[in-house]
Amino acid sequence: MPVYLESYPDLARPRRAMALSTREAARKAGRILRDSVRSEVPPPAVGKWPGYAAKGRLKSAIVAQEPIKRPRAGDWLVRVGVQWRRKAAVYSRIHEYGGTIRPRKPGGYLVFKLPDGQWIRTKKVRIRRKYYFLAGFRKALPKIQSELGTEFNRWMYIRGMRQQ
């Protein structure tokens, strides 16, 4: 016969409190990672990426979803990434990994205007890799570990389980 914690209120309350605490910790971890990745996206046409003509759409398209409960694993899942409904999602992959952009029609040209007003007509454009997601993840990892430790210690202190 299975035993359910709900039938034992003294045991169920701490479990519910910990579930809420871990959900909040997962939400904070997602926000930390989102903000860290956003900070790694280079600003328009400055810094170590000369000629980078971004307008900020990519930065605003990076989002963290609300935590999703995974019953089998017994934890929370937070997804941080680019919103695929936004136009910036098309460009996120090529900016992360780099690549070459060619015209759709064979023998055609890419035509675009530079920030200084000059028009360019070319057969291909090479985009250098920027690794903003990888750099943001590496930068956020110590902050996330610290935040998870703080949240766990706070929960233990509230429950009176931590030794003073």
Protein backbone atom coordinates (compact mmCIF):
# COMPACT_ATOMS: atom_id res chain seq x y z
CA MET A 1 0.00 0.00 0.00
CA PRO A 2 1.52 3.36 -1.01
CA VAL A 3 2.09 6.04 1.59
CA TYR A 4 1.34 9.63 0.57
CA LEU A 5 2.99 12.55 2.33
CA GLU A 6 -0.25 14.53 2.11
CA SER A 7 -1.72 12.23 4.77
CA TYR A 8 1.08 13.31 7.13
CA PRO A 9 0.83 17.12 7.43
CA ASP A 10 4.02 17.44 9.49
CA LEU A 11 5.99 15.90 6.63
CA ALA A 12 4.00 17.37 3.74
CA ARG A 13 4.39 21.04 4.76
CA PRO A 14 8.22 21.09 4.60
CA ARG A 15 8.08 19.21 1.31
CA ARG A 16 5.70 21.80 -0.21
CA ALA A 17 7.84 24.62 1.15
CA MET A 18 10.96 23.10 -0.36
CA ALA A 19 9.18 22.61 -3.70
CA LEU A 20 8.26 26.31 -3.76
CA SER A 21 11.78 27.25 -2.72
CA THR A 22 13.37 25.15 -5.47
CA ARG A 23 10.95 26.63 -8.02
CA GLU A 24 12.00 30.12 -6.98
CA ALA A 25 15.67 29.11 -7.14
CA ALA A 26 15.13 27.73 -10.67
CA ARG A 27 13.42 30.98 -11.70
CA LYS A 28 16.33 33.03 -10.33
CA ALA A 29 18.88 30.79 -12.08
CA GLY A 30 17.04 31.27 -15.38
CA ARG A 31 17.01 35.04 -14.97
CA ILE A 32 20.71 35.12 -14.07
CA LEU A 33 21.57 33.09 -17.18
CA ARG A 34 19.29 35.21 -19.40
CA ASP A 35 20.84 38.45 -18.17
CA SER A 36 24.35 37.06 -18.52
CA VAL A 37 23.77 35.95 -22.12
CA ARG A 38 22.17 39.30 -22.94
CA SER A 39 25.22 41.10 -21.56
CA GLU A 40 27.48 39.11 -23.91
CA VAL A 41 25.59 40.10 -27.08
CA PRO A 42 27.73 42.85 -28.60
CA PRO A 43 26.15 46.30 -28.89
CA PRO A 44 25.62 47.78 -32.36
CA ALA A 45 28.81 48.45 -34.35
CA VAL A 46 31.20 48.90 -31.43
CA GLY A 47 33.71 46.98 -29.35
CA LYS A 48 35.62 43.97 -30.58
CA TRP A 49 33.23 43.42 -33.52
CA PRO A 50 33.79 46.31 -35.97
CA GLY A 51 31.14 46.47 -38.65
CA TYR A 52 28.62 44.62 -36.52
CA ALA A 53 25.29 46.14 -37.51
CA ALA A 54 22.95 44.74 -34.86
CA LYS A 55 19.98 46.82 -33.77
CA GLY A 56 19.30 45.17 -30.38
CA ARG A 57 16.62 42.73 -31.53
CA LEU A 58 18.75 39.72 -30.69
CA LYS A 59 19.39 40.92 -27.15
CA SER A 60 15.70 41.47 -26.45
CA ALA A 61 14.75 38.10 -28.00
CA ILE A 62 16.76 36.14 -25.40
CA VAL A 63 14.27 35.00 -22.77
CA ALA A 64 13.97 32.66 -19.78
CA GLN A 65 10.77 30.65 -19.51
CA GLU A 66 8.98 30.02 -16.25
CA PRO A 67 10.14 26.84 -14.47
CA ILE A 68 8.39 23.63 -15.54
CA LYS A 69 7.97 20.81 -13.02
CA ARG A 70 9.49 17.49 -14.09
CA PRO A 71 7.73 14.88 -11.93
CA ARG A 72 9.92 11.91 -12.84
CA ALA A 73 13.16 13.77 -12.27
CA GLY A 74 11.75 15.58 -9.24
CA ASP A 75 13.19 18.95 -10.25
CA TRP A 76 12.43 22.09 -12.24
CA LEU A 77 13.38 22.82 -15.85
CA VAL A 78 14.11 26.38 -16.99
CA ARG A 79 14.76 27.04 -20.65
CA VAL A 80 16.83 30.04 -21.67
CA GLY A 81 17.06 30.79 -25.36
CA VAL A 82 15.89 32.86 -28.29
CA GLN A 83 12.16 33.28 -28.90
CA TRP A 84 11.58 31.53 -32.20
CA ARG A 85 8.61 33.71 -33.12
CA ARG A 86 10.81 36.78 -33.28
CA LYS A 87 12.72 37.85 -36.38
CA ALA A 88 16.00 37.85 -34.40
CA ALA A 89 15.80 34.07 -34.05
CA VAL A 90 16.79 33.72 -37.70
CA TYR A 91 20.06 35.51 -37.03
CA SER A 92 20.90 34.09 -33.60
CA ARG A 93 22.47 30.87 -34.86
CA ILE A 94 24.76 32.49 -37.40
CA HIS A 95 25.95 35.07 -34.87
CA GLU A 96 26.67 32.37 -32.29
CA TYR A 97 28.54 29.96 -34.59
CA GLY A 98 29.51 32.12 -37.55
CA GLY A 99 29.06 31.31 -41.22
CA THR A 100 28.65 32.69 -44.70
CA ILE A 101 25.50 34.35 -46.03
CA ARG A 102 24.89 33.99 -49.76
CA PRO A 103 22.06 35.28 -51.97
CA ARG A 104 18.98 33.08 -52.42
CA LYS A 105 19.22 33.05 -56.20
CA PRO A 106 22.40 31.59 -57.75
CA GLY A 107 24.43 34.32 -59.42
CA GLY A 108 22.59 37.02 -57.47
CA TYR A 109 23.96 39.64 -55.12
CA LEU A 110 23.43 40.65 -51.52
CA VAL A 111 22.63 44.35 -51.33
CA PHE A 112 22.60 46.21 -48.02
CA LYS A 113 23.27 49.61 -46.53
CA LEU A 114 26.04 50.23 -43.99
CA PRO A 115 25.46 52.41 -40.91
CA ASP A 116 27.46 55.24 -42.56
CA GLY A 117 24.99 55.31 -45.49
CA GLN A 118 27.16 53.49 -48.06
CA TRP A 119 25.46 50.76 -50.14
CA ILE A 120 27.26 47.43 -50.62
CA ARG A 121 26.67 44.84 -53.35
CA THR A 122 28.49 41.53 -52.86
CA LYS A 123 28.28 37.80 -53.58
CA LYS A 124 28.67 36.71 -49.93
CA VAL A 125 29.16 38.00 -46.40
CA ARG A 126 31.18 36.18 -43.77
CA ILE A 127 29.87 36.47 -40.19
CA ARG A 128 32.45 35.77 -37.48
CA ARG A 129 31.40 33.60 -34.55
CA LYS A 130 30.73 35.45 -31.34
CA TYR A 131 29.85 32.71 -28.81
CA TYR A 132 27.61 34.95 -26.76
CA PHE A 133 25.59 32.01 -25.37
CA LEU A 134 28.68 30.04 -24.37
CA ALA A 135 30.37 33.11 -22.86
CA GLY A 136 27.19 34.07 -21.03
CA PHE A 137 26.78 30.55 -19.63
CA ARG A 138 30.37 30.47 -18.38
CA LYS A 139 29.95 33.88 -16.79
CA ALA A 140 26.64 32.94 -15.14
CA LEU A 141 27.62 29.53 -13.75
CA PRO A 142 29.36 30.78 -10.55
CA LYS A 143 26.49 33.22 -9.90
CA ILE A 144 23.91 30.45 -10.34
CA GLN A 145 25.80 28.09 -8.01
CA SER A 146 26.02 30.84 -5.40
CA GLU A 147 22.32 31.69 -5.75
CA LEU A 148 21.27 28.04 -5.42
CA GLY A 149 23.39 27.68 -2.28
CA THR A 150 21.91 30.86 -0.81
CA GLU A 151 18.35 29.73 -1.58
CA PHE A 152 18.95 26.29 -0.03
CA ASN A 153 20.50 27.81 3.11
CA ARG A 154 17.57 30.23 3.38
CA TRP A 155 15.10 27.36 3.15
CA MET A 156 17.00 25.36 5.79
CA TYR A 157 17.10 28.38 8.11
CA ILE A 158 13.37 29.06 7.70
CA ARG A 159 12.52 25.43 8.45
CA GLY A 160 14.74 25.49 11.55
CA MET A 161 16.78 22.58 10.21
CA ARG A 162 20.07 24.38 10.05
CA GLN A 163 22.38 24.23 13.03
CA GLN A 164 23.32 27.67 14.33
